[in-house]
N, C-alpha and C. Protein backbone atom coordinates (compact mmCIF):
# COMPACT_ATOMS: atom_id res chain seq x y z
N MET A 1 84.48 115.12 91.31
CA MET A 1 84.57 113.90 91.78
C MET A 1 86.05 113.38 92.03
N ILE A 2 86.40 112.82 93.01
CA ILE A 2 87.76 112.15 93.20
C ILE A 2 87.60 110.60 92.90
N TYR A 3 88.62 110.05 92.07
CA TYR A 3 88.59 108.83 91.62
C TYR A 3 89.79 108.26 92.28
N LEU A 4 89.67 107.12 93.04
CA LEU A 4 90.74 106.34 93.65
C LEU A 4 90.93 105.00 92.95
N GLY A 5 92.35 104.72 93.00
CA GLY A 5 92.64 103.58 92.34
C GLY A 5 94.11 103.10 92.95
N THR A 6 94.24 101.69 93.17
CA THR A 6 95.41 101.03 93.80
C THR A 6 95.64 99.65 93.47
N ASP A 7 96.66 99.12 93.47
CA ASP A 7 96.88 97.69 93.55
C ASP A 7 97.23 97.17 94.92
N HIS A 8 97.71 96.16 95.16
CA HIS A 8 97.82 95.47 96.39
C HIS A 8 98.88 96.25 97.25
N ARG A 9 99.94 96.88 96.72
CA ARG A 9 100.84 97.48 97.53
C ARG A 9 100.43 98.88 98.15
N GLY A 10 99.46 99.53 97.70
CA GLY A 10 98.84 100.75 98.19
C GLY A 10 97.46 100.52 98.85
N PHE A 11 97.10 99.29 98.85
CA PHE A 11 95.64 98.82 99.36
C PHE A 11 95.37 99.47 100.77
N LYS A 12 96.20 99.16 101.56
CA LYS A 12 95.88 99.49 102.95
C LYS A 12 96.04 100.97 103.09
N LEU A 13 96.79 101.72 102.48
CA LEU A 13 96.87 103.38 102.55
C LEU A 13 95.69 103.81 101.91
N LYS A 14 95.33 103.27 100.87
CA LYS A 14 94.04 103.70 100.08
C LYS A 14 92.94 103.63 101.07
N GLU A 15 92.70 102.59 101.70
CA GLU A 15 91.72 102.21 102.72
C GLU A 15 91.72 103.36 103.72
N ARG A 16 93.01 103.73 104.21
CA ARG A 16 92.99 104.71 105.32
C ARG A 16 92.59 106.13 104.60
N LEU A 17 93.07 106.35 103.51
CA LEU A 17 92.64 107.67 102.73
C LEU A 17 91.21 107.79 102.67
N LYS A 18 90.64 106.75 102.25
CA LYS A 18 89.04 106.76 102.02
C LYS A 18 88.38 107.20 103.36
N ILE A 19 88.98 106.76 104.58
CA ILE A 19 88.23 107.02 105.86
C ILE A 19 88.47 108.55 106.00
N TRP A 20 89.53 109.15 105.79
CA TRP A 20 89.90 110.41 105.87
C TRP A 20 88.92 111.27 105.02
N LEU A 21 89.00 110.93 103.69
CA LEU A 21 88.18 111.76 102.62
C LEU A 21 86.72 111.65 103.08
N ASP A 22 86.23 110.59 103.53
CA ASP A 22 84.63 110.56 103.98
C ASP A 22 84.62 111.55 105.18
N GLU A 23 85.54 111.61 106.08
CA GLU A 23 85.44 112.37 107.31
C GLU A 23 85.40 113.83 106.86
N GLU A 24 86.07 114.11 105.77
CA GLU A 24 86.46 115.42 105.29
C GLU A 24 85.14 115.93 104.56
N GLY A 25 84.37 114.98 104.14
CA GLY A 25 83.16 115.26 103.33
C GLY A 25 83.50 115.49 101.85
N HIS A 26 84.36 114.65 101.31
CA HIS A 26 84.76 114.76 99.85
C HIS A 26 84.11 113.66 99.15
N ASP A 27 83.74 113.87 98.01
CA ASP A 27 82.89 112.99 97.11
C ASP A 27 84.08 112.15 96.50
N PHE A 28 83.99 110.99 96.66
CA PHE A 28 85.09 110.23 95.83
C PHE A 28 84.36 108.77 95.28
N GLU A 29 84.88 108.02 94.53
CA GLU A 29 84.66 106.93 93.92
C GLU A 29 85.92 105.95 93.97
N ASP A 30 85.72 104.78 94.87
CA ASP A 30 86.76 103.81 94.78
C ASP A 30 86.82 102.87 93.62
N LEU A 31 87.74 102.98 92.67
CA LEU A 31 87.79 102.12 91.38
C LEU A 31 88.52 100.84 91.63
N GLY A 32 88.86 100.70 92.84
CA GLY A 32 89.68 99.33 93.10
C GLY A 32 91.08 99.66 93.32
N ALA A 33 91.64 98.48 93.67
CA ALA A 33 91.24 97.28 94.19
C ALA A 33 90.13 97.21 95.27
N HIS A 34 89.29 96.53 95.24
CA HIS A 34 88.29 96.35 96.49
C HIS A 34 88.62 95.34 97.57
N ALA A 35 89.59 94.60 97.17
CA ALA A 35 90.17 93.58 98.08
C ALA A 35 91.56 93.21 97.88
N LEU A 36 92.29 92.98 98.99
CA LEU A 36 93.77 92.88 98.86
C LEU A 36 94.04 91.42 98.10
N ASP A 37 94.54 91.69 96.96
CA ASP A 37 95.13 90.66 95.87
C ASP A 37 96.34 90.76 95.52
N SER A 38 97.38 90.01 96.18
CA SER A 38 98.81 90.20 95.80
C SER A 38 99.07 89.86 94.31
N ALA A 39 98.30 89.51 93.55
CA ALA A 39 98.48 89.30 92.05
C ALA A 39 97.84 90.23 91.30
N ASP A 40 97.38 91.26 91.78
CA ASP A 40 96.83 92.25 90.94
C ASP A 40 97.75 93.15 90.39
N ASP A 41 97.31 94.13 89.43
CA ASP A 41 98.29 95.16 88.75
C ASP A 41 97.78 96.44 88.77
N TYR A 42 98.82 97.28 89.05
CA TYR A 42 98.59 98.83 89.21
C TYR A 42 97.99 99.31 88.00
N THR A 43 98.30 98.66 86.67
CA THR A 43 97.81 99.15 85.44
C THR A 43 96.30 99.20 85.39
N THR A 44 95.69 98.13 86.04
CA THR A 44 94.22 98.09 85.75
C THR A 44 93.70 99.31 86.58
N TYR A 45 93.96 99.58 87.79
CA TYR A 45 93.44 100.63 88.57
C TYR A 45 93.72 102.01 88.32
N ALA A 46 95.08 102.05 87.87
CA ALA A 46 95.45 103.36 87.42
C ALA A 46 94.83 103.95 86.09
N ALA A 47 94.67 102.80 85.32
CA ALA A 47 93.87 103.15 83.99
C ALA A 47 92.54 103.55 84.20
N ARG A 48 91.88 102.95 85.08
CA ARG A 48 90.48 103.16 85.41
C ARG A 48 90.33 104.54 86.08
N ALA A 49 91.20 104.79 86.97
CA ALA A 49 90.95 106.35 87.61
C ALA A 49 91.43 107.32 86.45
N ALA A 50 92.57 107.04 85.54
CA ALA A 50 92.79 107.91 84.63
C ALA A 50 91.82 108.23 83.64
N ALA A 51 91.05 107.05 83.21
CA ALA A 51 90.02 107.33 81.99
C ALA A 51 88.94 108.10 82.85
N ALA A 52 88.49 108.08 83.99
CA ALA A 52 87.44 108.73 84.71
C ALA A 52 87.88 110.22 84.77
N VAL A 53 89.09 110.54 85.15
CA VAL A 53 89.55 111.90 85.21
C VAL A 53 89.52 112.48 83.77
N GLY A 54 90.03 111.86 82.73
CA GLY A 54 90.02 112.36 81.51
C GLY A 54 88.80 112.73 80.85
N ARG A 55 87.77 112.15 81.38
CA ARG A 55 86.37 112.29 80.73
C ARG A 55 85.82 113.67 81.10
N GLU A 56 86.28 114.20 82.21
CA GLU A 56 85.84 115.65 82.60
C GLU A 56 86.88 116.44 83.56
N ASN A 57 87.06 117.77 82.99
CA ASN A 57 88.00 118.44 83.37
C ASN A 57 88.09 118.74 84.99
N SER A 58 86.92 118.58 85.40
CA SER A 58 86.89 119.00 86.94
C SER A 58 87.31 117.76 87.81
N ASN A 59 87.33 116.63 87.24
CA ASN A 59 87.58 115.34 88.06
C ASN A 59 88.94 115.39 88.50
N ARG A 60 89.12 114.67 89.60
CA ARG A 60 90.65 114.33 90.15
C ARG A 60 90.81 113.02 90.32
N GLY A 61 92.23 112.43 90.40
CA GLY A 61 92.47 111.09 90.78
C GLY A 61 93.39 111.02 91.68
N ILE A 62 93.32 110.00 92.53
CA ILE A 62 94.52 109.74 93.42
C ILE A 62 94.83 108.12 93.21
N VAL A 63 95.97 107.92 92.87
CA VAL A 63 96.27 106.64 92.42
C VAL A 63 97.53 106.18 93.27
N LEU A 64 97.62 104.95 93.61
CA LEU A 64 98.80 104.53 94.52
C LEU A 64 99.25 103.18 93.92
N CYS A 65 100.57 103.12 94.13
CA CYS A 65 101.28 101.61 93.60
C CYS A 65 102.44 101.84 94.47
N GLY A 66 103.40 100.79 94.38
CA GLY A 66 104.55 100.69 95.41
C GLY A 66 105.48 101.89 95.31
N SER A 67 105.98 101.96 94.16
CA SER A 67 107.00 102.90 93.95
C SER A 67 106.38 104.16 93.38
N GLY A 68 105.10 104.15 92.83
CA GLY A 68 104.63 105.38 92.25
C GLY A 68 104.81 105.45 90.73
N VAL A 69 105.96 104.82 90.45
CA VAL A 69 106.45 105.08 88.93
C VAL A 69 105.37 104.35 87.88
N GLY A 70 105.09 103.24 88.20
CA GLY A 70 104.32 102.39 87.28
C GLY A 70 102.88 103.22 87.04
N ALA A 71 102.29 103.48 88.10
CA ALA A 71 101.06 104.17 88.04
C ALA A 71 101.14 105.59 87.45
N ASP A 72 102.15 106.32 87.89
CA ASP A 72 102.55 107.48 87.00
C ASP A 72 102.51 107.37 85.52
N VAL A 73 103.38 106.40 85.14
CA VAL A 73 103.46 106.16 83.59
C VAL A 73 102.06 105.99 82.98
N THR A 74 101.34 105.11 83.79
CA THR A 74 100.22 104.69 83.25
C THR A 74 99.09 105.77 83.21
N VAL A 75 98.82 106.59 84.02
CA VAL A 75 97.99 107.62 84.17
C VAL A 75 98.16 108.60 83.06
N ASN A 76 99.71 108.79 82.69
CA ASN A 76 99.83 109.84 81.68
C ASN A 76 99.80 109.59 80.43
N LYS A 77 99.30 108.22 80.21
CA LYS A 77 99.08 107.95 78.67
C LYS A 77 97.55 108.31 78.24
N PHE A 78 96.84 108.80 79.20
CA PHE A 78 95.43 109.19 78.88
C PHE A 78 95.52 110.63 78.68
N ASP A 79 94.97 111.15 77.50
CA ASP A 79 94.74 112.67 76.92
C ASP A 79 94.04 113.38 78.16
N GLY A 80 94.60 114.52 78.52
CA GLY A 80 93.88 115.31 79.32
C GLY A 80 94.40 114.99 80.84
N VAL A 81 95.14 114.02 81.15
CA VAL A 81 95.55 113.71 82.41
C VAL A 81 96.92 114.17 82.67
N ARG A 82 97.12 114.88 83.81
CA ARG A 82 98.37 115.33 84.28
C ARG A 82 98.66 114.75 85.68
N GLY A 83 99.19 113.70 85.58
CA GLY A 83 99.65 113.04 86.80
C GLY A 83 101.08 113.23 87.09
N ALA A 84 101.31 113.16 88.56
CA ALA A 84 102.61 113.31 89.09
C ALA A 84 102.75 112.54 90.45
N ILE A 85 103.99 112.09 90.65
CA ILE A 85 104.26 111.36 91.93
C ILE A 85 104.26 112.66 92.81
N GLY A 86 103.57 112.50 93.91
CA GLY A 86 103.89 113.37 95.12
C GLY A 86 104.92 113.09 95.94
N MET A 87 105.76 113.96 96.00
CA MET A 87 106.97 113.90 96.89
C MET A 87 106.78 114.39 98.34
N GLU A 88 106.23 115.57 98.47
CA GLU A 88 106.00 116.35 99.69
C GLU A 88 104.86 117.29 99.37
N PRO A 89 104.18 117.92 100.35
CA PRO A 89 103.09 118.65 100.25
C PRO A 89 103.36 120.00 99.35
N ALA A 90 104.53 120.68 99.67
CA ALA A 90 104.60 121.91 98.74
C ALA A 90 104.90 121.51 97.33
N GLN A 91 105.38 120.35 96.95
CA GLN A 91 105.54 119.99 95.53
C GLN A 91 104.23 119.76 95.13
N VAL A 92 103.34 119.06 95.65
CA VAL A 92 102.03 118.93 95.15
C VAL A 92 101.19 120.08 95.00
N GLU A 93 101.37 121.11 96.13
CA GLU A 93 100.83 122.32 95.91
C GLU A 93 101.33 123.10 94.45
N ALA A 94 102.49 123.11 94.29
CA ALA A 94 103.17 123.77 93.29
C ALA A 94 102.57 122.88 91.79
N GLY A 95 102.33 121.83 91.87
CA GLY A 95 101.95 120.94 90.76
C GLY A 95 100.47 121.35 90.40
N ARG A 96 99.76 121.46 91.55
CA ARG A 96 98.20 121.72 91.19
C ARG A 96 98.34 123.31 90.80
N ARG A 97 99.08 124.24 91.36
CA ARG A 97 99.02 125.54 91.04
C ARG A 97 99.33 125.97 89.52
N ASP A 98 100.83 125.45 89.45
CA ASP A 98 101.47 125.84 88.18
C ASP A 98 100.98 124.85 87.00
N ASP A 99 100.69 123.46 87.19
CA ASP A 99 100.59 122.71 86.13
C ASP A 99 99.17 122.04 86.09
N ASP A 100 98.37 122.51 86.70
CA ASP A 100 96.83 121.97 86.87
C ASP A 100 96.72 120.44 87.01
N MET A 101 97.91 119.81 87.91
CA MET A 101 97.92 118.47 87.97
C MET A 101 96.49 117.87 88.49
N ASN A 102 96.05 116.87 87.76
CA ASN A 102 94.72 116.37 88.08
C ASN A 102 94.69 114.81 88.69
N VAL A 103 95.87 114.17 88.73
CA VAL A 103 96.14 112.95 89.33
C VAL A 103 97.30 112.90 90.15
N LEU A 104 97.16 112.74 91.36
CA LEU A 104 98.02 112.54 92.45
C LEU A 104 98.34 111.19 92.49
N VAL A 105 99.78 110.83 92.07
CA VAL A 105 100.14 109.47 92.43
C VAL A 105 101.07 109.29 93.70
N ILE A 106 100.61 108.57 94.50
CA ILE A 106 101.35 108.19 95.83
C ILE A 106 102.21 107.00 95.77
N ALA A 107 103.36 107.07 96.07
CA ALA A 107 104.22 105.89 96.13
C ALA A 107 103.97 105.34 97.48
N ALA A 108 103.21 104.38 97.68
CA ALA A 108 102.75 103.66 98.88
C ALA A 108 103.98 103.07 99.78
N ASP A 109 104.89 102.65 99.05
CA ASP A 109 106.04 101.85 99.88
C ASP A 109 106.87 103.01 100.35
N PHE A 110 106.78 104.18 100.03
CA PHE A 110 107.71 105.16 100.60
C PHE A 110 106.95 106.31 101.24
N THR A 111 105.65 106.20 101.50
CA THR A 111 104.85 107.33 101.95
C THR A 111 104.09 106.88 103.18
N GLY A 112 104.25 107.49 104.30
CA GLY A 112 103.45 107.24 105.43
C GLY A 112 102.02 107.92 105.34
N GLU A 113 100.87 107.46 106.31
CA GLU A 113 99.65 107.77 106.08
C GLU A 113 99.52 109.50 106.44
N THR A 114 100.34 109.94 107.41
CA THR A 114 100.13 111.34 107.66
C THR A 114 100.63 112.13 106.51
N GLU A 115 101.82 111.79 105.98
CA GLU A 115 102.51 112.50 104.69
C GLU A 115 101.33 112.40 103.58
N ALA A 116 100.83 111.31 103.26
CA ALA A 116 99.84 111.14 102.18
C ALA A 116 98.67 112.01 102.42
N ARG A 117 98.13 112.07 103.59
CA ARG A 117 97.09 113.01 103.98
C ARG A 117 97.42 114.42 103.71
N GLU A 118 98.47 114.81 104.10
CA GLU A 118 99.04 116.12 103.82
C GLU A 118 99.13 116.49 102.35
N MET A 119 99.60 115.40 101.46
CA MET A 119 99.61 115.73 100.12
C MET A 119 98.27 115.63 99.48
N VAL A 120 97.46 114.85 99.74
CA VAL A 120 96.08 114.96 99.37
C VAL A 120 95.27 116.23 99.60
N GLU A 121 95.48 116.86 100.98
CA GLU A 121 95.05 118.01 101.27
C GLU A 121 95.43 119.10 100.40
N LYS A 122 96.58 119.23 100.15
CA LYS A 122 97.26 120.42 99.18
C LYS A 122 96.68 119.94 97.83
N PHE A 123 96.58 118.78 97.43
CA PHE A 123 96.14 118.52 95.98
C PHE A 123 94.67 118.97 95.95
N LEU A 124 93.82 118.77 96.88
CA LEU A 124 92.40 119.15 96.86
C LEU A 124 92.21 120.52 97.10
N SER A 125 92.89 121.23 97.77
CA SER A 125 92.59 122.62 98.21
C SER A 125 93.42 123.63 97.41
N THR A 126 94.22 123.21 96.78
CA THR A 126 95.21 124.11 95.72
C THR A 126 94.45 124.32 94.27
N SER A 127 94.11 125.58 93.91
CA SER A 127 93.58 125.72 92.61
C SER A 127 94.72 126.03 91.57
N TYR A 128 94.49 125.81 90.30
CA TYR A 128 95.30 126.23 89.20
C TYR A 128 95.34 127.59 89.13
N ASP A 129 96.38 128.32 88.85
CA ASP A 129 96.36 129.69 88.88
C ASP A 129 96.02 130.64 87.60
N HIS A 130 96.05 129.71 86.55
CA HIS A 130 95.75 130.31 85.13
C HIS A 130 96.64 131.47 84.71
N LEU A 131 97.92 131.43 85.26
CA LEU A 131 98.89 132.51 84.80
C LEU A 131 99.18 132.12 83.13
N PRO A 132 99.30 133.31 82.48
CA PRO A 132 99.45 132.97 80.90
C PRO A 132 100.66 131.98 80.64
N ARG A 133 101.70 132.24 81.48
CA ARG A 133 102.95 131.16 80.93
C ARG A 133 102.58 129.76 81.38
N HIS A 134 101.75 129.61 82.54
CA HIS A 134 101.26 128.14 83.02
C HIS A 134 100.35 127.70 81.87
N GLN A 135 99.39 128.54 81.54
CA GLN A 135 98.46 128.13 80.42
C GLN A 135 99.13 127.84 79.11
N ARG A 136 100.09 128.51 78.73
CA ARG A 136 100.76 128.44 77.35
C ARG A 136 101.41 127.08 77.50
N ARG A 137 102.16 126.46 78.73
CA ARG A 137 102.59 125.28 78.65
C ARG A 137 101.59 124.17 78.64
N LEU A 138 100.29 124.26 79.36
CA LEU A 138 99.34 123.51 79.38
C LEU A 138 98.80 123.28 77.86
N ASP A 139 98.65 124.33 77.22
CA ASP A 139 98.35 124.24 75.69
C ASP A 139 99.32 123.47 74.87
N ASP A 140 100.69 123.83 75.10
CA ASP A 140 101.63 122.84 74.55
C ASP A 140 101.54 121.52 74.72
N ILE A 141 101.26 121.20 75.94
CA ILE A 141 101.10 119.67 76.36
C ILE A 141 99.83 119.13 75.46
N LYS A 142 98.66 119.85 75.42
CA LYS A 142 97.47 119.40 74.66
C LYS A 142 97.84 119.05 73.34
N LYS A 143 98.57 120.16 72.62
CA LYS A 143 99.08 120.10 71.45
C LYS A 143 99.95 118.78 71.15
N ILE A 144 100.87 118.46 71.96
CA ILE A 144 101.61 117.26 71.98
C ILE A 144 100.86 116.08 71.95
N GLU A 145 99.68 116.08 72.93
CA GLU A 145 98.90 114.76 73.09
C GLU A 145 98.25 114.47 71.75
N GLU A 146 97.78 115.70 71.01
CA GLU A 146 97.09 115.63 69.66
C GLU A 146 97.83 115.12 68.78
N ASP A 147 99.25 115.49 68.59
CA ASP A 147 100.06 115.10 67.63
C ASP A 147 100.70 113.78 67.88
N ASN A 148 100.51 113.12 68.84
CA ASN A 148 101.05 111.79 69.20
C ASN A 148 100.05 110.61 69.23
């Protein structure tokens, strides 16, 4: 399952991505915002998506906010979540392949619809490679989560 979340600054782009995800046959759940509200906060929707992703390893999340930074910080507070701001499709692909990134954060103020779709496509189509060095690093991250 793919979980979506955004505040007002990413609302329009999220709505466009929902149409595309539906056309491509992806299963997703929109965790909000469900209406444009200039007073809402990214923390609410990023936390909802991150909690859903953290519950099951196969889940993925796509979270948007204006700069991407606030949502990125928020999602990475949840155990088992490995979120990163997507900069370009190749970087997102590397994040999935090498780091098993499970939440893609999109900086809505700086990302056009076409680029966002390209990053989402790489995010959803790229598998983690399970190389020993990559797994060792993920195991280190898990231990850091447990110790803090």
